[in-house]
Amino acid sequence: MFFRTIFIIIALIIVWFVLKRWAKAALQDYIEKNLPNPKATIIEGGPMVRCQHCDVHLAKDDAINANGVYFCCEEHQKLAQHNT
């Protein structure tokens, strides 16, 4: 009876580890097939510029250009013009 109990416990431990390893492999396979790889995602952006007022960097396409000086918003552009 004792050896039978030990055998069942060892068998259950082995089954547990096998199922755990299988589940981990299945989850990894699911992630690789269904989720994008963040390392492979390349976002090409344009040049970055700095807001003259608050020093925030933003894409040149999103910035407001006032005679070669860049701002992140119209409010900062107005504040800079008001200060000069």
C-alpha atoms as a PDB file:
ATOM      1  CA  MET A   1       0.000   0.000   0.000  1.00  0.00           C
ATOM      2  CA  PHE A   2       2.828   2.421   0.883  1.00  0.00           C
ATOM      3  CA  PHE A   3       4.666   1.867  -2.416  1.00  0.00           C
ATOM      4  CA  ARG A   4       1.448   2.267  -4.351  1.00  0.00           C
ATOM      5  CA  THR A   5       0.827   5.662  -2.708  1.00  0.00           C
ATOM      6  CA  ILE A   6       4.410   6.802  -3.396  1.00  0.00           C
ATOM      7  CA  PHE A   7       4.087   5.637  -7.011  1.00  0.00           C
ATOM      8  CA  ILE A   8       0.835   7.584  -7.480  1.00  0.00           C
ATOM      9  CA  ILE A   9       2.364  10.719  -5.940  1.00  0.00           C
ATOM     10  CA  ILE A  10       5.439  10.495  -8.192  1.00  0.00           C
ATOM     11  CA  ALA A  11       3.232   9.870 -11.239  1.00  0.00           C
ATOM     12  CA  LEU A  12       1.096  12.918 -10.397  1.00  0.00           C
ATOM     13  CA  ILE A  13       4.204  15.089  -9.986  1.00  0.00           C
ATOM     14  CA  ILE A  14       5.513  13.947 -13.373  1.00  0.00           C
ATOM     15  CA  VAL A  15       2.136  14.604 -15.020  1.00  0.00           C
ATOM     16  CA  TRP A  16       2.039  18.044 -13.367  1.00  0.00           C
ATOM     17  CA  PHE A  17       5.461  19.023 -14.755  1.00  0.00           C
ATOM     18  CA  VAL A  18       4.665  17.665 -18.224  1.00  0.00           C
ATOM     19  CA  LEU A  19       1.367  19.569 -18.374  1.00  0.00           C
ATOM     20  CA  LYS A  20       2.992  22.727 -17.044  1.00  0.00           C
ATOM     21  CA  ARG A  21       5.720  22.562 -19.692  1.00  0.00           C
ATOM     22  CA  TRP A  22       3.156  21.839 -22.430  1.00  0.00           C
ATOM     23  CA  ALA A  23       0.964  24.763 -21.331  1.00  0.00           C
ATOM     24  CA  LYS A  24       3.939  27.118 -21.307  1.00  0.00           C
ATOM     25  CA  ALA A  25       4.950  26.025 -24.817  1.00  0.00           C
ATOM     26  CA  ALA A  26       1.372  26.368 -26.068  1.00  0.00           C
ATOM     27  CA  LEU A  27       1.089  29.863 -24.588  1.00  0.00           C
ATOM     28  CA  GLN A  28       4.397  30.926 -26.143  1.00  0.00           C
ATOM     29  CA  ASP A  29       3.289  29.542 -29.506  1.00  0.00           C
ATOM     30  CA  TYR A  30      -0.018  31.444 -29.231  1.00  0.00           C
ATOM     31  CA  ILE A  31       1.804  34.682 -28.382  1.00  0.00           C
ATOM     32  CA  GLU A  32       4.211  34.318 -31.307  1.00  0.00           C
ATOM     33  CA  LYS A  33       1.398  33.630 -33.785  1.00  0.00           C
ATOM     34  CA  ASN A  34      -1.204  36.153 -32.607  1.00  0.00           C
ATOM     35  CA  LEU A  35       0.620  39.113 -31.106  1.00  0.00           C
ATOM     36  CA  PRO A  36       2.941  41.458 -32.987  1.00  0.00           C
ATOM     37  CA  ASN A  37       6.592  41.404 -32.060  1.00  0.00           C
ATOM     38  CA  PRO A  38       7.385  44.793 -30.464  1.00  0.00           C
ATOM     39  CA  LYS A  39      11.034  44.489 -31.475  1.00  0.00           C
ATOM     40  CA  ALA A  40      10.043  44.002 -35.115  1.00  0.00           C
ATOM     41  CA  THR A  41       7.660  46.949 -35.163  1.00  0.00           C
ATOM     42  CA  ILE A  42       9.483  49.893 -36.662  1.00  0.00           C
ATOM     43  CA  ILE A  43       7.758  53.212 -36.792  1.00  0.00           C
ATOM     44  CA  GLU A  44       9.398  55.549 -39.197  1.00  0.00           C
ATOM     45  CA  GLY A  45       9.050  59.120 -38.146  1.00  0.00           C
ATOM     46  CA  GLY A  46      10.257  62.364 -39.493  1.00  0.00           C
ATOM     47  CA  PRO A  47      12.680  64.769 -37.938  1.00  0.00           C
ATOM     48  CA  MET A  48      12.043  66.013 -34.417  1.00  0.00           C
ATOM     49  CA  VAL A  49      12.076  69.649 -33.332  1.00  0.00           C
ATOM     50  CA  ARG A  50      12.007  71.365 -29.952  1.00  0.00           C
ATOM     51  CA  CYS A  51       9.342  73.795 -28.803  1.00  0.00           C
ATOM     52  CA  GLN A  52      11.035  77.127 -28.195  1.00  0.00           C
ATOM     53  CA  HIS A  53       8.847  77.804 -25.160  1.00  0.00           C
ATOM     54  CA  CYS A  54       8.644  74.530 -23.173  1.00  0.00           C
ATOM     55  CA  ASP A  55      11.497  72.447 -24.685  1.00  0.00           C
ATOM     56  CA  VAL A  56       9.173  69.542 -25.560  1.00  0.00           C
ATOM     57  CA  HIS A  57      10.351  67.528 -28.557  1.00  0.00           C
ATOM     58  CA  LEU A  58       7.748  66.722 -31.183  1.00  0.00           C
ATOM     59  CA  ALA A  59       7.567  65.682 -34.811  1.00  0.00           C
ATOM     60  CA  LYS A  60       8.323  68.470 -37.225  1.00  0.00           C
ATOM     61  CA  ASP A  61       5.061  67.763 -39.062  1.00  0.00           C
ATOM     62  CA  ASP A  62       3.081  68.381 -35.858  1.00  0.00           C
ATOM     63  CA  ALA A  63       4.942  71.547 -34.843  1.00  0.00           C
ATOM     64  CA  ILE A  64       3.948  75.124 -35.607  1.00  0.00           C
ATOM     65  CA  ASN A  65       6.660  76.856 -37.596  1.00  0.00           C
ATOM     66  CA  ALA A  66       7.009  80.583 -37.073  1.00  0.00           C
ATOM     67  CA  ASN A  67       9.926  81.924 -39.133  1.00  0.00           C
ATOM     68  CA  GLY A  68      12.089  78.876 -38.457  1.00  0.00           C
ATOM     69  CA  VAL A  69      11.194  78.723 -34.753  1.00  0.00           C
ATOM     70  CA  TYR A  70       9.071  75.758 -33.711  1.00  0.00           C
ATOM     71  CA  PHE A  71       6.306  75.578 -31.121  1.00  0.00           C
ATOM     72  CA  CYS A  72       4.166  72.712 -29.855  1.00  0.00           C
ATOM     73  CA  CYS A  73       0.935  74.737 -29.756  1.00  0.00           C
ATOM     74  CA  GLU A  74      -0.496  78.098 -30.745  1.00  0.00           C
ATOM     75  CA  GLU A  75      -0.541  79.241 -27.127  1.00  0.00           C
ATOM     76  CA  HIS A  76       3.228  78.893 -26.839  1.00  0.00           C
ATOM     77  CA  GLN A  77       3.666  80.684 -30.137  1.00  0.00           C
ATOM     78  CA  LYS A  78       1.528  83.584 -28.867  1.00  0.00           C
ATOM     79  CA  LEU A  79       3.405  83.702 -25.562  1.00  0.00           C
ATOM     80  CA  ALA A  80       6.732  83.873 -27.376  1.00  0.00           C
ATOM     81  CA  GLN A  81       5.494  86.645 -29.673  1.00  0.00           C
ATOM     82  CA  HIS A  82       4.082  88.541 -26.689  1.00  0.00           C
ATOM     83  CA  ASN A  83       7.400  88.340 -24.799  1.00  0.00           C
ATOM     84  CA  THR A  84       9.403  89.820 -27.683  1.00  0.00           C
END
